[in-house]
All heavy atoms as atom14 arrays in JSON, in Angstrom:
{
  "sequence": "ESKTTDSINVPLFQNGDVAGYLVTNFIYNIDVSDSTKLSLPPDIFIL",
  "atom14_mask": [
    [1, 1, 1, 1, 1, 1, 1, 1, 1, 0, 0, 0, 0, 0],
    [1, 1, 1, 1, 1, 1, 0, 0, 0, 0, 0, 0, 0, 0],
    [1, 1, 1, 1, 1, 1, 1, 1, 1, 0, 0, 0, 0, 0],
    [1, 1, 1, 1, 1, 1, 1, 0, 0, 0, 0, 0, 0, 0],
    [1, 1, 1, 1, 1, 1, 1, 0, 0, 0, 0, 0, 0, 0],
    [1, 1, 1, 1, 1, 1, 1, 1, 0, 0, 0, 0, 0, 0],
    [1, 1, 1, 1, 1, 1, 0, 0, 0, 0, 0, 0, 0, 0],
    [1, 1, 1, 1, 1, 1, 1, 1, 0, 0, 0, 0, 0, 0],
    [1, 1, 1, 1, 1, 1, 1, 1, 0, 0, 0, 0, 0, 0],
    [1, 1, 1, 1, 1, 1, 1, 0, 0, 0, 0, 0, 0, 0],
    [1, 1, 1, 1, 1, 1, 1, 0, 0, 0, 0, 0, 0, 0],
    [1, 1, 1, 1, 1, 1, 1, 1, 0, 0, 0, 0, 0, 0],
    [1, 1, 1, 1, 1, 1, 1, 1, 1, 1, 1, 0, 0, 0],
    [1, 1, 1, 1, 1, 1, 1, 1, 1, 0, 0, 0, 0, 0],
    [1, 1, 1, 1, 1, 1, 1, 1, 0, 0, 0, 0, 0, 0],
    [1, 1, 1, 1, 0, 0, 0, 0, 0, 0, 0, 0, 0, 0],
    [1, 1, 1, 1, 1, 1, 1, 1, 0, 0, 0, 0, 0, 0],
    [1, 1, 1, 1, 1, 1, 1, 0, 0, 0, 0, 0, 0, 0],
    [1, 1, 1, 1, 1, 0, 0, 0, 0, 0, 0, 0, 0, 0],
    [1, 1, 1, 1, 0, 0, 0, 0, 0, 0, 0, 0, 0, 0],
    [1, 1, 1, 1, 1, 1, 1, 1, 1, 1, 1, 1, 0, 0],
    [1, 1, 1, 1, 1, 1, 1, 1, 0, 0, 0, 0, 0, 0],
    [1, 1, 1, 1, 1, 1, 1, 0, 0, 0, 0, 0, 0, 0],
    [1, 1, 1, 1, 1, 1, 1, 0, 0, 0, 0, 0, 0, 0],
    [1, 1, 1, 1, 1, 1, 1, 1, 0, 0, 0, 0, 0, 0],
    [1, 1, 1, 1, 1, 1, 1, 1, 1, 1, 1, 0, 0, 0],
    [1, 1, 1, 1, 1, 1, 1, 1, 0, 0, 0, 0, 0, 0],
    [1, 1, 1, 1, 1, 1, 1, 1, 1, 1, 1, 1, 0, 0],
    [1, 1, 1, 1, 1, 1, 1, 1, 0, 0, 0, 0, 0, 0],
    [1, 1, 1, 1, 1, 1, 1, 1, 0, 0, 0, 0, 0, 0],
    [1, 1, 1, 1, 1, 1, 1, 1, 0, 0, 0, 0, 0, 0],
    [1, 1, 1, 1, 1, 1, 1, 0, 0, 0, 0, 0, 0, 0],
    [1, 1, 1, 1, 1, 1, 0, 0, 0, 0, 0, 0, 0, 0],
    [1, 1, 1, 1, 1, 1, 1, 1, 0, 0, 0, 0, 0, 0],
    [1, 1, 1, 1, 1, 1, 0, 0, 0, 0, 0, 0, 0, 0],
    [1, 1, 1, 1, 1, 1, 1, 0, 0, 0, 0, 0, 0, 0],
    [1, 1, 1, 1, 1, 1, 1, 1, 1, 0, 0, 0, 0, 0],
    [1, 1, 1, 1, 1, 1, 1, 1, 0, 0, 0, 0, 0, 0],
    [1, 1, 1, 1, 1, 1, 0, 0, 0, 0, 0, 0, 0, 0],
    [1, 1, 1, 1, 1, 1, 1, 1, 0, 0, 0, 0, 0, 0],
    [1, 1, 1, 1, 1, 1, 1, 0, 0, 0, 0, 0, 0, 0],
    [1, 1, 1, 1, 1, 1, 1, 0, 0, 0, 0, 0, 0, 0],
    [1, 1, 1, 1, 1, 1, 1, 1, 0, 0, 0, 0, 0, 0],
    [1, 1, 1, 1, 1, 1, 1, 1, 0, 0, 0, 0, 0, 0],
    [1, 1, 1, 1, 1, 1, 1, 1, 1, 1, 1, 0, 0, 0],
    [1, 1, 1, 1, 1, 1, 1, 1, 0, 0, 0, 0, 0, 0],
    [1, 1, 1, 1, 1, 1, 1, 1, 0, 0, 0, 0, 0, 0]
  ],
  "atom14_positions": [
    [[-8.75, -6.33, -9.84], [-7.45, -6.96, -10.06], [-6.66, -6.92, -8.76], [-6.85, -6.03, -7.94], [-6.68, -6.33, -11.22], [-6.12, -4.98, -10.97], [-5.32, -4.46, -12.17], [-5.03, -5.22, -13.12], [-4.97, -3.28, -12.14], [0.0, 0.0, 0.0], [0.0, 0.0, 0.0], [0.0, 0.0, 0.0], [0.0, 0.0, 0.0], [0.0, 0.0, 0.0]],
    [[-5.79, -7.89, -8.61], [-4.92, -7.96, -7.44], [-3.52, -7.53, -7.84], [-3.02, -7.94, -8.88], [-4.87, -9.39, -6.9], [-6.14, -9.77, -6.42], [0.0, 0.0, 0.0], [0.0, 0.0, 0.0], [0.0, 0.0, 0.0], [0.0, 0.0, 0.0], [0.0, 0.0, 0.0], [0.0, 0.0, 0.0], [0.0, 0.0, 0.0], [0.0, 0.0, 0.0]],
    [[-2.93, -6.71, -6.99], [-1.56, -6.25, -7.21], [-0.75, -6.5, -5.95], [-1.29, -6.45, -4.85], [-1.54, -4.77, -7.56], [-2.24, -4.47, -8.88], [-2.08, -3.02, -9.25], [-2.69, -2.75, -10.61], [-2.42, -1.38, -11.06], [0.0, 0.0, 0.0], [0.0, 0.0, 0.0], [0.0, 0.0, 0.0], [0.0, 0.0, 0.0], [0.0, 0.0, 0.0]],
    [[0.52, -6.75, -6.12], [1.41, -7.02, -5.0], [2.36, -5.85, -4.79], [2.95, -5.35, -5.76], [2.21, -8.31, -5.26], [1.3, -9.39, -5.48], [3.1, -8.65, -4.07], [0.0, 0.0, 0.0], [0.0, 0.0, 0.0], [0.0, 0.0, 0.0], [0.0, 0.0, 0.0], [0.0, 0.0, 0.0], [0.0, 0.0, 0.0], [0.0, 0.0, 0.0]],
    [[2.51, -5.44, -3.55], [3.45, -4.37, -3.22], [4.86, -4.93, -3.11], [5.06, -6.14, -3.01], [3.1, -3.7, -1.88], [3.32, -4.64, -0.82], [1.67, -3.2, -1.85], [0.0, 0.0, 0.0], [0.0, 0.0, 0.0], [0.0, 0.0, 0.0], [0.0, 0.0, 0.0], [0.0, 0.0, 0.0], [0.0, 0.0, 0.0], [0.0, 0.0, 0.0]],
    [[5.82, -4.03, -3.09], [7.18, -4.41, -2.73], [7.19, -4.78, -1.25], [6.23, -4.51, -0.53], [8.14, -3.25, -2.96], [8.36, -2.95, -4.44], [8.21, -3.87, -5.27], [8.68, -1.79, -4.76], [0.0, 0.0, 0.0], [0.0, 0.0, 0.0], [0.0, 0.0, 0.0], [0.0, 0.0, 0.0], [0.0, 0.0, 0.0], [0.0, 0.0, 0.0]],
    [[8.28, -5.32, -0.79], [8.43, -5.64, 0.64], [8.95, -4.4, 1.38], [9.64, -3.57, 0.8], [9.43, -6.77, 0.83], [8.94, -7.96, 0.27], [0.0, 0.0, 0.0], [0.0, 0.0, 0.0], [0.0, 0.0, 0.0], [0.0, 0.0, 0.0], [0.0, 0.0, 0.0], [0.0, 0.0, 0.0], [0.0, 0.0, 0.0], [0.0, 0.0, 0.0]],
    [[8.6, -4.34, 2.66], [9.18, -3.33, 3.53], [9.84, -4.05, 4.7], [9.44, -5.15, 5.09], [8.16, -2.3, 4.06], [6.99, -2.97, 4.79], [7.69, -1.38, 2.96], [6.08, -2.0, 5.51], [0.0, 0.0, 0.0], [0.0, 0.0, 0.0], [0.0, 0.0, 0.0], [0.0, 0.0, 0.0], [0.0, 0.0, 0.0], [0.0, 0.0, 0.0]],
    [[10.88, -3.41, 5.23], [11.6, -3.92, 6.39], [11.4, -2.93, 7.52], [11.88, -1.81, 7.44], [13.09, -4.06, 6.08], [13.33, -4.94, 4.88], [12.74, -5.98, 4.73], [14.22, -4.52, 4.0], [0.0, 0.0, 0.0], [0.0, 0.0, 0.0], [0.0, 0.0, 0.0], [0.0, 0.0, 0.0], [0.0, 0.0, 0.0], [0.0, 0.0, 0.0]],
    [[10.71, -3.38, 8.55], [10.42, -2.51, 9.69], [11.3, -2.94, 10.86], [11.21, -4.08, 11.31], [8.93, -2.6, 10.09], [8.63, -1.68, 11.26], [8.03, -2.29, 8.9], [0.0, 0.0, 0.0], [0.0, 0.0, 0.0], [0.0, 0.0, 0.0], [0.0, 0.0, 0.0], [0.0, 0.0, 0.0], [0.0, 0.0, 0.0], [0.0, 0.0, 0.0]],
    [[12.16, -2.03, 11.35], [13.01, -2.42, 12.48], [12.2, -2.61, 13.75], [11.27, -1.84, 14.03], [13.98, -1.25, 12.61], [13.29, -0.09, 11.99], [12.38, -0.65, 10.93], [0.0, 0.0, 0.0], [0.0, 0.0, 0.0], [0.0, 0.0, 0.0], [0.0, 0.0, 0.0], [0.0, 0.0, 0.0], [0.0, 0.0, 0.0], [0.0, 0.0, 0.0]],
    [[12.54, -3.65, 14.49], [11.92, -3.9, 15.8], [13.0, -3.73, 16.86], [14.1, -4.23, 16.72], [11.32, -5.3, 15.87], [10.2, -5.62, 14.87], [9.67, -7.03, 15.1], [9.07, -4.62, 14.96], [0.0, 0.0, 0.0], [0.0, 0.0, 0.0], [0.0, 0.0, 0.0], [0.0, 0.0, 0.0], [0.0, 0.0, 0.0], [0.0, 0.0, 0.0]],
    [[12.64, -3.0, 17.9], [13.6, -2.66, 18.94], [13.33, -3.44, 20.23], [12.18, -3.68, 20.58], [13.53, -1.15, 19.24], [14.01, -0.3, 18.1], [13.16, 0.09, 17.09], [15.34, 0.09, 18.04], [13.6, 0.87, 16.04], [15.8, 0.88, 16.99], [14.92, 1.27, 15.99], [0.0, 0.0, 0.0], [0.0, 0.0, 0.0], [0.0, 0.0, 0.0]],
    [[14.4, -3.79, 20.9], [14.34, -4.37, 22.24], [15.44, -3.7, 23.05], [16.6, -3.66, 22.6], [14.54, -5.88, 22.22], [13.36, -6.63, 21.66], [13.57, -8.14, 21.67], [14.7, -8.62, 21.61], [12.49, -8.88, 21.76], [0.0, 0.0, 0.0], [0.0, 0.0, 0.0], [0.0, 0.0, 0.0], [0.0, 0.0, 0.0], [0.0, 0.0, 0.0]],
    [[15.07, -3.13, 24.18], [16.03, -2.43, 25.05], [16.8, -1.33, 24.32], [18.0, -1.14, 24.53], [17.01, -3.42, 25.69], [16.3, -4.5, 26.47], [15.3, -4.25, 27.15], [16.79, -5.73, 26.37], [0.0, 0.0, 0.0], [0.0, 0.0, 0.0], [0.0, 0.0, 0.0], [0.0, 0.0, 0.0], [0.0, 0.0, 0.0], [0.0, 0.0, 0.0]],
    [[16.13, -0.65, 23.41], [16.72, 0.47, 22.7], [17.59, 0.12, 21.52], [18.11, 1.0, 20.84], [0.0, 0.0, 0.0], [0.0, 0.0, 0.0], [0.0, 0.0, 0.0], [0.0, 0.0, 0.0], [0.0, 0.0, 0.0], [0.0, 0.0, 0.0], [0.0, 0.0, 0.0], [0.0, 0.0, 0.0], [0.0, 0.0, 0.0], [0.0, 0.0, 0.0]],
    [[17.79, -1.16, 21.24], [18.61, -1.59, 20.11], [17.75, -2.32, 19.09], [16.74, -2.95, 19.44], [19.72, -2.54, 20.57], [20.74, -1.85, 21.47], [21.08, -0.68, 21.2], [21.18, -2.5, 22.44], [0.0, 0.0, 0.0], [0.0, 0.0, 0.0], [0.0, 0.0, 0.0], [0.0, 0.0, 0.0], [0.0, 0.0, 0.0], [0.0, 0.0, 0.0]],
    [[18.18, -2.28, 17.83], [17.47, -3.04, 16.79], [17.69, -4.53, 17.06], [18.83, -4.99, 17.12], [17.97, -2.66, 15.38], [17.34, -3.57, 14.33], [17.67, -1.2, 15.07], [0.0, 0.0, 0.0], [0.0, 0.0, 0.0], [0.0, 0.0, 0.0], [0.0, 0.0, 0.0], [0.0, 0.0, 0.0], [0.0, 0.0, 0.0], [0.0, 0.0, 0.0]],
    [[16.61, -5.24, 17.24], [16.68, -6.67, 17.49], [16.56, -7.46, 16.19], [17.04, -8.58, 16.07], [15.58, -7.1, 18.45], [0.0, 0.0, 0.0], [0.0, 0.0, 0.0], [0.0, 0.0, 0.0], [0.0, 0.0, 0.0], [0.0, 0.0, 0.0], [0.0, 0.0, 0.0], [0.0, 0.0, 0.0], [0.0, 0.0, 0.0], [0.0, 0.0, 0.0]],
    [[15.88, -6.85, 15.21], [15.65, -7.52, 13.94], [14.68, -6.72, 13.11], [14.4, -5.55, 13.42], [0.0, 0.0, 0.0], [0.0, 0.0, 0.0], [0.0, 0.0, 0.0], [0.0, 0.0, 0.0], [0.0, 0.0, 0.0], [0.0, 0.0, 0.0], [0.0, 0.0, 0.0], [0.0, 0.0, 0.0], [0.0, 0.0, 0.0], [0.0, 0.0, 0.0]],
    [[14.17, -7.36, 12.08], [13.3, -6.66, 11.14], [12.06, -7.49, 10.84], [12.15, -8.71, 10.65], [14.05, -6.39, 9.84], [15.23, -5.49, 10.05], [16.47, -6.03, 10.4], [15.11, -4.12, 9.96], [17.57, -5.21, 10.62], [16.2, -3.29, 10.19], [17.42, -3.84, 10.52], [18.5, -3.02, 10.75], [0.0, 0.0, 0.0], [0.0, 0.0, 0.0]],
    [[10.94, -6.81, 10.79], [9.7, -7.41, 10.33], [9.66, -7.16, 8.82], [9.71, -6.01, 8.39], [8.51, -6.77, 11.02], [7.15, -7.38, 10.75], [7.12, -8.84, 11.19], [6.08, -6.61, 11.47], [0.0, 0.0, 0.0], [0.0, 0.0, 0.0], [0.0, 0.0, 0.0], [0.0, 0.0, 0.0], [0.0, 0.0, 0.0], [0.0, 0.0, 0.0]],
    [[9.64, -8.21, 8.05], [9.63, -8.1, 6.59], [8.24, -8.51, 6.12], [7.78, -9.61, 6.41], [10.7, -9.0, 5.95], [10.68, -8.88, 4.43], [12.08, -8.66, 6.5], [0.0, 0.0, 0.0], [0.0, 0.0, 0.0], [0.0, 0.0, 0.0], [0.0, 0.0, 0.0], [0.0, 0.0, 0.0], [0.0, 0.0, 0.0], [0.0, 0.0, 0.0]],
    [[7.59, -7.59, 5.43], [6.21, -7.86, 5.01], [5.92, -7.23, 3.66], [6.55, -6.25, 3.28], [5.21, -7.38, 6.08], [3.89, -7.75, 5.71], [5.27, -5.88, 6.27], [0.0, 0.0, 0.0], [0.0, 0.0, 0.0], [0.0, 0.0, 0.0], [0.0, 0.0, 0.0], [0.0, 0.0, 0.0], [0.0, 0.0, 0.0], [0.0, 0.0, 0.0]],
    [[5.0, -7.82, 2.95], [4.44, -7.19, 1.77], [2.97, -7.6, 1.65], [2.51, -8.48, 2.36], [5.25, -7.46, 0.5], [5.24, -8.88, 0.04], [5.13, -9.81, 0.82], [5.36, -9.08, -1.25], [0.0, 0.0, 0.0], [0.0, 0.0, 0.0], [0.0, 0.0, 0.0], [0.0, 0.0, 0.0], [0.0, 0.0, 0.0], [0.0, 0.0, 0.0]],
    [[2.27, -6.9, 0.78], [0.82, -7.0, 0.75], [0.31, -7.22, -0.67], [0.98, -6.89, -1.65], [0.2, -5.69, 1.28], [0.68, -5.34, 2.65], [1.83, -4.58, 2.84], [0.01, -5.79, 3.77], [2.29, -4.27, 4.1], [0.46, -5.48, 5.04], [1.61, -4.72, 5.2], [0.0, 0.0, 0.0], [0.0, 0.0, 0.0], [0.0, 0.0, 0.0]],
    [[-0.89, -7.75, -0.74], [-1.64, -7.83, -1.98], [-2.87, -6.96, -1.76], [-3.49, -7.02, -0.69], [-2.08, -9.28, -2.28], [-0.84, -10.16, -2.48], [-2.99, -9.33, -3.5], [-1.16, -11.65, -2.56], [0.0, 0.0, 0.0], [0.0, 0.0, 0.0], [0.0, 0.0, 0.0], [0.0, 0.0, 0.0], [0.0, 0.0, 0.0], [0.0, 0.0, 0.0]],
    [[-3.19, -6.14, -2.73], [-4.39, -5.33, -2.6], [-5.26, -5.52, -3.83], [-4.78, -5.8, -4.93], [-4.07, -3.85, -2.38], [-3.34, -3.15, -3.49], [-4.04, -2.42, -4.45], [-1.96, -3.2, -3.59], [-3.36, -1.77, -5.47], [-1.28, -2.54, -4.6], [-1.99, -1.83, -5.54], [-1.32, -1.18, -6.55], [0.0, 0.0, 0.0], [0.0, 0.0, 0.0]],
    [[-6.57, -5.39, -3.62], [-7.55, -5.52, -4.69], [-8.11, -4.15, -5.01], [-8.5, -3.4, -4.1], [-8.68, -6.46, -4.28], [-8.2, -7.88, -4.06], [-7.25, -8.32, -4.71], [-8.81, -8.59, -3.16], [0.0, 0.0, 0.0], [0.0, 0.0, 0.0], [0.0, 0.0, 0.0], [0.0, 0.0, 0.0], [0.0, 0.0, 0.0], [0.0, 0.0, 0.0]],
    [[-8.16, -3.84, -6.3], [-8.65, -2.55, -6.76], [-9.4, -2.76, -8.07], [-9.04, -3.63, -8.87], [-7.48, -1.56, -6.93], [-7.99, -0.15, -7.23], [-6.49, -2.03, -7.97], [-6.92, 0.92, -7.13], [0.0, 0.0, 0.0], [0.0, 0.0, 0.0], [0.0, 0.0, 0.0], [0.0, 0.0, 0.0], [0.0, 0.0, 0.0], [0.0, 0.0, 0.0]],
    [[-10.47, -1.99, -8.26], [-11.21, -2.01, -9.52], [-10.31, -1.41, -10.6], [-9.72, -0.34, -10.39], [-12.5, -1.21, -9.36], [-13.41, -1.32, -10.57], [-12.91, -1.33, -11.72], [-14.64, -1.39, -10.39], [0.0, 0.0, 0.0], [0.0, 0.0, 0.0], [0.0, 0.0, 0.0], [0.0, 0.0, 0.0], [0.0, 0.0, 0.0], [0.0, 0.0, 0.0]],
    [[-10.2, -2.07, -11.73], [-9.34, -1.61, -12.81], [-9.71, -0.19, -13.22], [-8.82, 0.65, -13.44], [-9.41, -2.57, -14.02], [-8.64, -2.03, -15.21], [-8.92, -3.95, -13.64], [0.0, 0.0, 0.0], [0.0, 0.0, 0.0], [0.0, 0.0, 0.0], [0.0, 0.0, 0.0], [0.0, 0.0, 0.0], [0.0, 0.0, 0.0], [0.0, 0.0, 0.0]],
    [[-10.98, 0.12, -13.3], [-11.39, 1.47, -13.71], [-11.0, 2.51, -12.66], [-10.69, 3.65, -13.0], [-12.89, 1.54, -14.0], [-13.64, 1.29, -12.82], [0.0, 0.0, 0.0], [0.0, 0.0, 0.0], [0.0, 0.0, 0.0], [0.0, 0.0, 0.0], [0.0, 0.0, 0.0], [0.0, 0.0, 0.0], [0.0, 0.0, 0.0], [0.0, 0.0, 0.0]],
    [[-10.97, 2.12, -11.39], [-10.55, 3.04, -10.34], [-9.04, 3.32, -10.42], [-8.6, 4.43, -10.18], [-10.87, 2.49, -8.94], [-12.34, 2.61, -8.59], [-13.06, 3.38, -9.27], [-12.76, 1.95, -7.63], [0.0, 0.0, 0.0], [0.0, 0.0, 0.0], [0.0, 0.0, 0.0], [0.0, 0.0, 0.0], [0.0, 0.0, 0.0], [0.0, 0.0, 0.0]],
    [[-8.28, 2.29, -10.74], [-6.82, 2.46, -10.76], [-6.39, 3.47, -11.81], [-5.37, 4.14, -11.65], [-6.11, 1.12, -10.94], [-6.39, 0.56, -12.19], [0.0, 0.0, 0.0], [0.0, 0.0, 0.0], [0.0, 0.0, 0.0], [0.0, 0.0, 0.0], [0.0, 0.0, 0.0], [0.0, 0.0, 0.0], [0.0, 0.0, 0.0], [0.0, 0.0, 0.0]],
    [[-7.16, 3.6, -12.88], [-6.8, 4.57, -13.92], [-7.1, 6.01, -13.5], [-6.58, 6.94, -14.1], [-7.54, 4.26, -15.24], [-8.95, 4.36, -15.01], [-7.19, 2.87, -15.75], [0.0, 0.0, 0.0], [0.0, 0.0, 0.0], [0.0, 0.0, 0.0], [0.0, 0.0, 0.0], [0.0, 0.0, 0.0], [0.0, 0.0, 0.0], [0.0, 0.0, 0.0]],
    [[-7.9, 6.19, -12.46], [-8.25, 7.52, -11.98], [-7.2, 8.1, -11.04], [-7.23, 9.29, -10.74], [-9.59, 7.48, -11.23], [-10.76, 7.04, -12.07], [-12.0, 6.88, -11.21], [-13.12, 6.23, -11.98], [-14.27, 5.94, -11.12], [0.0, 0.0, 0.0], [0.0, 0.0, 0.0], [0.0, 0.0, 0.0], [0.0, 0.0, 0.0], [0.0, 0.0, 0.0]],
    [[-6.3, 7.27, -10.56], [-5.32, 7.7, -9.56], [-4.06, 8.23, -10.23], [-3.54, 7.62, -11.17], [-4.98, 6.53, -8.64], [-6.16, 5.94, -7.87], [-5.73, 4.68, -7.14], [-6.75, 6.96, -6.92], [0.0, 0.0, 0.0], [0.0, 0.0, 0.0], [0.0, 0.0, 0.0], [0.0, 0.0, 0.0], [0.0, 0.0, 0.0], [0.0, 0.0, 0.0]],
    [[-3.54, 9.33, -9.7], [-2.33, 9.9, -10.27], [-1.06, 9.21, -9.73], [0.0, 9.3, -10.33], [-2.26, 11.39, -9.99], [-2.29, 11.64, -8.61], [0.0, 0.0, 0.0], [0.0, 0.0, 0.0], [0.0, 0.0, 0.0], [0.0, 0.0, 0.0], [0.0, 0.0, 0.0], [0.0, 0.0, 0.0], [0.0, 0.0, 0.0], [0.0, 0.0, 0.0]],
    [[-1.18, 8.55, -8.58], [-0.07, 7.81, -7.98], [-0.54, 6.39, -7.68], [-1.7, 6.17, -7.34], [0.37, 8.47, -6.68], [0.99, 9.86, -6.8], [1.16, 10.48, -5.41], [2.32, 9.79, -7.51], [0.0, 0.0, 0.0], [0.0, 0.0, 0.0], [0.0, 0.0, 0.0], [0.0, 0.0, 0.0], [0.0, 0.0, 0.0], [0.0, 0.0, 0.0]],
    [[0.37, 5.43, -7.75], [-0.02, 4.05, -7.44], [-0.32, 3.91, -5.95], [0.38, 4.49, -5.11], [1.2, 3.22, -7.84], [2.34, 4.17, -7.82], [1.78, 5.53, -8.14], [0.0, 0.0, 0.0], [0.0, 0.0, 0.0], [0.0, 0.0, 0.0], [0.0, 0.0, 0.0], [0.0, 0.0, 0.0], [0.0, 0.0, 0.0], [0.0, 0.0, 0.0]],
    [[-1.35, 3.14, -5.59], [-1.7, 2.95, -4.18], [-0.59, 2.3, -3.37], [-0.53, 2.48, -2.16], [-2.92, 2.04, -4.24], [-3.46, 2.16, -5.61], [-2.29, 2.48, -6.48], [0.0, 0.0, 0.0], [0.0, 0.0, 0.0], [0.0, 0.0, 0.0], [0.0, 0.0, 0.0], [0.0, 0.0, 0.0], [0.0, 0.0, 0.0], [0.0, 0.0, 0.0]],
    [[0.31, 1.59, -4.01], [1.39, 0.88, -3.32], [2.14, 1.78, -2.34], [2.45, 1.37, -1.22], [2.41, 0.31, -4.31], [1.81, -0.63, -5.32], [0.8, -0.26, -5.94], [2.37, -1.71, -5.51], [0.0, 0.0, 0.0], [0.0, 0.0, 0.0], [0.0, 0.0, 0.0], [0.0, 0.0, 0.0], [0.0, 0.0, 0.0], [0.0, 0.0, 0.0]],
    [[2.48, 2.99, -2.79], [3.3, 3.86, -1.95], [2.56, 4.24, -0.67], [3.16, 4.35, 0.39], [3.79, 5.11, -2.71], [2.64, 5.94, -3.24], [4.73, 4.71, -3.83], [3.06, 7.25, -3.88], [0.0, 0.0, 0.0], [0.0, 0.0, 0.0], [0.0, 0.0, 0.0], [0.0, 0.0, 0.0], [0.0, 0.0, 0.0], [0.0, 0.0, 0.0]],
    [[1.25, 4.4, -0.77], [0.46, 4.74, 0.42], [0.27, 3.53, 1.32], [0.29, 3.64, 2.54], [-0.9, 5.32, 0.01], [-0.77, 6.58, -0.8], [-1.0, 6.57, -2.16], [-0.4, 7.77, -0.2], [-0.87, 7.73, -2.91], [-0.27, 8.94, -0.94], [-0.51, 8.92, -2.3], [0.0, 0.0, 0.0], [0.0, 0.0, 0.0], [0.0, 0.0, 0.0]],
    [[0.09, 2.35, 0.7], [-0.07, 1.11, 1.48], [1.19, 0.85, 2.29], [1.12, 0.58, 3.49], [-0.4, -0.07, 0.55], [-1.81, 0.11, -0.04], [-0.27, -1.41, 1.29], [-2.14, -0.85, -1.17], [0.0, 0.0, 0.0], [0.0, 0.0, 0.0], [0.0, 0.0, 0.0], [0.0, 0.0, 0.0], [0.0, 0.0, 0.0], [0.0, 0.0, 0.0]],
    [[2.35, 0.95, 1.66], [3.61, 0.68, 2.36], [3.89, 1.74, 3.42], [4.38, 1.41, 4.51], [4.76, 0.58, 1.37], [4.66, -0.61, 0.39], [5.82, -0.58, -0.59], [4.6, -1.93, 1.14], [0.0, 0.0, 0.0], [0.0, 0.0, 0.0], [0.0, 0.0, 0.0], [0.0, 0.0, 0.0], [0.0, 0.0, 0.0], [0.0, 0.0, 0.0]]
  ]
}
């Protein structure tokens, strides 16, 4: 199954100041039977 993560905002710096943000999110594929074995959702580790 495919699952979508939340978005993250990563600050990008130029000359020591925040110039802007890289905004990204991901889709990951996981076996349904594997996902039930995990105590925490993979999303937090992916982000």
